[in-house]
Protein backbone atom coordinates (compact mmCIF):
# COMPACT_ATOMS: atom_id res chain seq x y z
CA MET A 1 0.00 0.00 0.00
CA ASP A 2 1.18 3.54 -0.78
CA GLN A 3 3.11 4.86 2.23
CA GLN A 4 1.32 8.21 1.89
CA ILE A 5 -1.98 6.44 2.55
CA ILE A 6 -0.58 4.61 5.58
CA ASN A 7 0.81 7.88 6.96
CA LEU A 8 -2.52 9.60 6.37
CA TYR A 9 -4.39 6.85 8.20
CA ASP A 10 -1.88 7.00 11.06
CA ASP A 11 -2.48 10.74 11.36
CA PHE A 12 -6.24 10.19 11.42
CA THR A 13 -6.18 7.39 13.99
CA HIS A 14 -4.14 9.54 16.35
CA GLY A 15 -6.51 12.47 16.24
CA GLY A 16 -4.63 14.57 13.73
CA MET A 17 -7.72 15.29 11.64
CA SER A 18 -11.47 14.84 11.44
CA ARG A 19 -13.04 11.86 9.70
CA ARG A 20 -14.35 14.12 6.93
CA ALA A 21 -10.92 15.65 6.29
CA PHE A 22 -9.38 12.18 6.30
CA LEU A 23 -11.87 10.83 3.78
CA ASP A 24 -11.41 13.86 1.53
CA ARG A 25 -7.65 13.45 1.49
CA LEU A 26 -7.94 9.69 1.08
CA ALA A 27 -10.18 10.22 -1.96
CA THR A 28 -7.55 12.50 -3.46
CA LEU A 29 -4.76 9.95 -2.93
CA ALA A 30 -6.88 6.99 -4.04
CA GLY A 31 -8.29 8.66 -7.13
CA GLY A 32 -11.92 9.03 -6.12
CA THR A 33 -14.56 8.47 -3.47
CA ALA A 34 -15.30 4.89 -4.50
CA ALA A 35 -11.65 3.91 -4.30
CA ALA A 36 -11.34 5.66 -0.93
CA THR A 37 -14.33 3.75 0.43
CA ALA A 38 -12.80 0.48 -0.68
CA LEU A 39 -9.45 1.40 0.87
CA LEU A 40 -11.07 2.35 4.16
CA GLY A 41 -12.28 -1.22 4.57
CA VAL A 42 -8.72 -2.45 4.08
CA LEU A 43 -7.17 0.10 6.42
CA GLN A 44 -9.43 -0.61 9.38
CA ASN A 45 -8.62 -3.41 11.81
CA ASP A 46 -10.14 -6.78 10.96
CA TYR A 47 -10.94 -8.37 14.32
CA ALA A 48 -12.01 -11.59 12.64
CA GLN A 49 -8.25 -12.26 12.56
CA ALA A 50 -7.72 -11.34 16.19
CA GLN A 51 -7.90 -14.75 17.82
CA THR A 52 -4.63 -16.65 17.76
CA ILE A 53 -5.32 -18.17 21.19
CA SER A 54 -8.89 -19.05 22.05
CA GLU A 55 -10.45 -18.03 25.33
CA THR A 56 -11.22 -21.73 25.80
CA ASP A 57 -7.60 -22.77 25.22
CA PRO A 58 -6.90 -25.55 27.75
CA ARG A 59 -3.70 -23.87 28.92
CA ILE A 60 -5.40 -20.76 30.34
CA THR A 61 -8.35 -19.32 32.24
CA ALA A 62 -9.79 -15.87 31.49
CA GLN A 63 -12.29 -13.57 33.21
CA MET A 64 -13.20 -9.92 33.65
CA VAL A 65 -12.28 -8.55 37.09
CA ASP A 66 -12.78 -5.35 39.07
CA ILE A 67 -9.67 -3.36 39.98
CA PRO A 68 -9.74 -1.97 43.54
CA GLY A 69 -9.11 1.71 44.14
CA VAL A 70 -10.87 3.15 41.08
CA PRO A 71 -14.68 2.98 40.71
CA ASN A 72 -15.78 0.81 37.78
CA LEU A 73 -12.23 0.08 36.59
CA LYS A 74 -12.15 -3.37 35.02
CA GLY A 75 -9.65 -5.63 33.36
CA TYR A 76 -9.37 -8.88 31.44
CA LEU A 77 -7.39 -11.25 33.68
CA VAL A 78 -5.83 -14.32 32.10
CA LYS A 79 -3.57 -16.85 33.80
CA PRO A 80 -2.03 -20.20 32.95
CA LYS A 81 -3.49 -23.28 34.56
CA THR A 82 -0.06 -24.34 35.75
CA GLY A 83 -0.60 -22.47 39.00
CA GLY A 84 2.10 -21.29 41.38
CA LYS A 85 3.44 -17.78 41.90
CA LEU A 86 3.60 -16.12 38.50
CA PRO A 87 5.33 -13.06 37.08
CA ALA A 88 2.62 -10.49 36.30
CA VAL A 89 2.16 -8.25 33.27
CA LEU A 90 -0.19 -5.33 32.70
CA VAL A 91 -1.24 -5.04 29.03
CA ILE A 92 -2.08 -1.50 27.90
CA HIS A 93 -4.19 -1.18 24.78
CA GLU A 94 -3.99 1.14 21.80
CA ASN A 95 -6.12 4.29 21.50
CA ARG A 96 -9.28 2.35 20.64
CA GLY A 97 -9.68 0.51 23.93
CA LEU A 98 -9.65 -3.11 25.07
CA ASN A 99 -10.47 -4.66 21.71
CA PRO A 100 -10.33 -8.32 20.61
CA HIS A 101 -6.72 -7.99 19.45
CA ILE A 102 -5.49 -6.74 22.83
CA LYS A 103 -7.44 -9.47 24.59
CA ASP A 104 -5.66 -11.97 22.37
CA VAL A 105 -2.27 -10.44 23.24
CA THR A 106 -3.21 -10.85 26.90
CA ARG A 107 -3.97 -14.52 26.31
CA ARG A 108 -0.65 -14.93 24.48
CA LEU A 109 1.19 -13.69 27.55
CA ALA A 110 -0.71 -16.08 29.81
CA ALA A 111 0.18 -18.95 27.48
CA GLU A 112 3.83 -17.94 27.98
CA GLY A 113 3.48 -18.34 31.76
CA PHE A 114 2.49 -14.86 32.92
CA LEU A 115 -0.39 -13.60 35.01
CA ALA A 116 -1.69 -11.08 32.45
CA LEU A 117 -4.16 -8.24 32.86
CA GLY A 118 -5.57 -6.36 29.86
CA LEU A 119 -6.85 -3.20 31.52
CA ASP A 120 -9.84 -1.39 30.00
CA TYR A 121 -8.99 2.28 30.47
CA LEU A 122 -12.46 3.15 29.18
CA SER A 123 -14.33 1.02 31.73
CA PRO A 124 -14.95 3.96 34.12
CA MET A 125 -16.65 5.65 31.14
CA GLY A 126 -18.85 2.65 30.37
CA GLY A 127 -16.33 0.36 28.69
CA THR A 128 -14.70 0.00 25.29
CA PRO A 129 -17.32 0.48 22.53
CA GLU A 130 -17.51 -1.58 19.35
CA ASP A 131 -17.24 1.61 17.28
CA GLU A 132 -13.49 2.28 16.97
CA ASP A 133 -13.91 5.96 16.21
CA LYS A 134 -16.00 6.39 19.35
CA GLY A 135 -13.33 4.56 21.32
CA ARG A 136 -10.68 6.94 20.03
CA ASP A 137 -12.83 9.92 20.99
CA MET A 138 -13.31 8.50 24.49
CA ILE A 139 -9.56 7.95 24.87
CA GLY A 140 -9.10 11.62 24.04
CA GLN A 141 -11.29 12.55 27.00
CA LEU A 142 -9.07 10.78 29.53
CA LYS A 143 -6.90 13.03 31.68
CA PRO A 144 -3.19 12.15 32.00
CA ALA A 145 -3.52 11.98 35.79
CA ASP A 146 -6.39 9.49 35.49
CA ILE A 147 -4.46 7.32 33.04
CA THR A 148 -1.57 7.11 35.48
CA ALA A 149 -3.91 6.42 38.39
CA TYR A 150 -5.59 3.56 36.51
CA SER A 151 -2.21 2.08 35.58
CA LYS A 152 -0.91 2.28 39.15
CA ALA A 153 -4.09 0.67 40.49
CA ALA A 154 -3.61 -2.22 38.05
CA VAL A 155 0.03 -2.65 39.07
CA ALA A 156 -0.96 -2.73 42.74
CA TYR A 157 -3.68 -5.29 41.98
CA LEU A 158 -1.22 -7.56 40.18
CA LYS A 159 1.54 -7.10 42.75
CA THR A 160 -0.70 -8.22 45.61
CA SER A 161 -2.57 -10.96 43.72
CA PRO A 162 -2.26 -14.38 45.37
CA ASP A 163 -1.20 -15.72 41.95
CA SER A 164 1.64 -13.20 41.58
CA ASN A 165 5.29 -13.52 42.55
CA GLY A 166 5.21 -9.81 43.42
CA LYS A 167 7.01 -8.57 40.32
CA VAL A 168 4.99 -6.63 37.74
CA GLY A 169 5.81 -5.55 34.22
CA ALA A 170 3.81 -3.68 31.60
CA VAL A 171 3.48 -4.02 27.84
CA GLY A 172 1.79 -1.32 25.80
CA PHE A 173 1.09 -0.59 22.16
CA CYS A 174 0.79 2.82 20.46
CA TRP A 175 -1.16 4.94 22.99
CA GLY A 176 -0.41 2.15 25.44
CA GLY A 177 3.30 2.33 24.67
CA GLY A 178 3.28 5.94 25.76
CA ALA A 179 1.30 4.93 28.85
CA VAL A 180 3.99 2.36 29.72
CA ASN A 181 6.70 5.02 29.50
CA ASN A 182 4.69 7.35 31.73
CA LEU A 183 3.93 4.55 34.17
CA ALA A 184 7.64 3.79 34.46
CA VAL A 185 8.18 7.40 35.51
CA ALA A 186 5.27 7.38 37.97
CA ASP A 187 5.46 3.99 39.68
CA PRO A 188 8.60 2.60 41.34
CA ASP A 189 6.78 -0.73 41.79
CA LEU A 190 7.01 -1.40 38.05
CA SER A 191 9.88 -3.82 37.47
CA ALA A 192 9.87 -3.89 33.65
CA GLY A 193 8.25 -1.96 30.83
CA VAL A 194 7.90 -2.82 27.15
CA ALA A 195 6.74 0.04 24.94
CA TYR A 196 5.79 -0.68 21.34
CA TYR A 197 6.03 2.53 19.25
CA GLY A 198 5.00 4.66 22.22
CA GLY A 199 5.41 8.35 22.88
CA GLN A 200 8.30 9.24 25.15
CA PRO A 201 8.19 10.96 28.56
CA LYS A 202 9.82 14.31 29.21
CA PRO A 203 13.62 13.92 29.38
CA GLU A 204 13.67 15.64 32.78
CA ASP A 205 11.39 12.90 34.18
CA VAL A 206 13.55 9.97 33.07
CA ALA A 207 15.62 9.99 36.28
CA LYS A 208 12.50 8.84 38.17
CA ILE A 209 12.35 5.54 36.24
CA HIS A 210 13.16 2.37 38.19
CA ALA A 211 11.98 -0.26 35.68
CA ALA A 212 14.12 -1.91 33.04
CA LEU A 213 12.83 -0.84 29.62
CA LEU A 214 12.50 -2.51 26.22
CA LEU A 215 11.53 -0.05 23.49
CA HIS A 216 10.33 -1.17 20.05
CA TYR A 217 9.98 1.23 17.11
CA GLY A 218 8.96 0.89 13.46
CA GLY A 219 11.56 2.30 11.11
CA LEU A 220 8.95 4.17 9.04
CA ASP A 221 7.21 5.69 12.07
CA GLU A 222 8.60 9.22 11.76
CA ARG A 223 6.05 10.78 14.12
CA ILE A 224 7.04 8.65 17.12
CA ASN A 225 10.69 8.17 16.18
CA ALA A 226 11.35 11.89 16.37
CA GLY A 227 11.39 11.52 20.16
CA ILE A 228 13.92 8.69 20.33
CA PRO A 229 17.19 10.70 20.47
CA ALA A 230 16.19 12.84 23.45
CA TYR A 231 14.75 9.82 25.30
CA GLU A 232 17.83 7.68 24.73
CA ALA A 233 20.15 10.50 25.76
CA ALA A 234 18.21 10.94 29.01
CA LEU A 235 18.22 7.20 29.70
CA LYS A 236 21.98 7.04 29.16
CA GLN A 237 22.64 10.09 31.31
CA ALA A 238 20.53 8.68 34.15
CA GLY A 239 22.19 5.26 33.92
CA LYS A 240 18.95 3.39 33.29
CA THR A 241 18.64 -0.20 32.08
CA TYR A 242 17.13 -0.19 28.60
CA GLU A 243 17.15 -1.68 25.12
CA ILE A 244 16.03 0.09 21.94
CA HIS A 245 15.19 -1.79 18.76
CA LYS A 246 14.15 -0.18 15.50
CA TYR A 247 12.61 -2.44 12.85
CA GLU A 248 13.53 -1.04 9.46
CA GLY A 249 10.76 -1.02 6.89
CA ALA A 250 8.08 -1.49 9.57
CA ASN A 251 5.28 0.99 10.21
CA HIS A 252 3.65 2.19 13.40
CA ALA A 253 1.37 -0.61 14.71
CA PHE A 254 3.54 -3.28 13.08
CA ASN A 255 2.63 -5.74 15.84
CA ASN A 256 -1.14 -5.56 15.24
CA ASP A 257 -1.97 -8.60 13.14
CA THR A 258 -5.51 -7.32 12.49
CA SER A 259 -4.11 -4.24 10.71
CA PRO A 260 -2.71 -3.75 7.18
CA ARG A 261 0.34 -2.21 8.85
CA TYR A 262 1.18 -5.60 10.39
CA ASP A 263 4.73 -6.74 9.66
CA LYS A 264 5.10 -10.39 10.62
CA PRO A 265 8.92 -10.63 10.65
CA ALA A 266 9.19 -7.49 12.79
CA ALA A 267 6.32 -8.55 15.05
CA ASP A 268 7.71 -12.04 15.60
CA LEU A 269 11.19 -10.74 16.44
CA ALA A 270 9.84 -8.04 18.76
CA TRP A 271 7.59 -10.55 20.52
CA SER A 272 10.43 -13.03 21.10
CA ARG A 273 12.52 -10.21 22.54
CA THR A 274 9.58 -9.13 24.70
CA ILE A 275 9.03 -12.57 26.21
CA THR A 276 12.75 -13.06 26.89
CA PHE A 277 13.00 -9.60 28.47
CA LEU A 278 9.97 -10.07 30.71
CA LYS A 279 11.06 -13.50 31.91
CA LYS A 280 14.51 -12.12 32.71
CA ASN A 281 13.25 -9.10 34.65
CA LEU A 282 10.18 -10.56 36.38
CA SER A 283 11.41 -13.97 37.54
């Protein structure tokens, strides 16, 4: 697909323009309204492809749970049936909410031996809607302080869970990648953070980070990648433990296998690095 179209869609999905402006520009790039309409169906996430691990997979159990400390905050808790004290991971969704893809990612982590919680940051507002555009609009209404409070409540829940070994990590994608970076600044109880193509915190806040960090970026993601140099310089100066990987030729959202921006080689490599990193830092 034309990179200009992918960049345009990325701008739209992150609130850079209205739906009408997006469709008008898409029609110009595609050569007409009919072609734009057809492309829109291709660009949007196809959740029919979201399930790589079934909720009834014999290796795991899954349920929705209430998170103490914040009224109506809920999460999708998945754990392996092996039992015992498990390393715990908070999964932070993209800017559309706790959708089928993120639930599947949560199940993937449980299948790898983690106590995994996919938090619904929209649950205090009624929960993630089926309409993606509405979900994005709701995300835009969240205040930074509330996002951090929800994340910290989830970390506390996982840290004190009877199934947890007391160590908690976080994995986030897109909007959630930025939330992981901010959580690392805000919560010293976070032991490890994995941010997929996430916005970076202010350099002056990096000294507050205690968690080890694994940072994944798509090589074509100019918008997010512009913040890498300042972030890396601050991490080095503060003596933090971190890894940065840039996947050349990959776009923003390269891990999302329900999206046309999905890049399987990059996603597979990033995922293997993620699992290795989390097991190392949460065991």
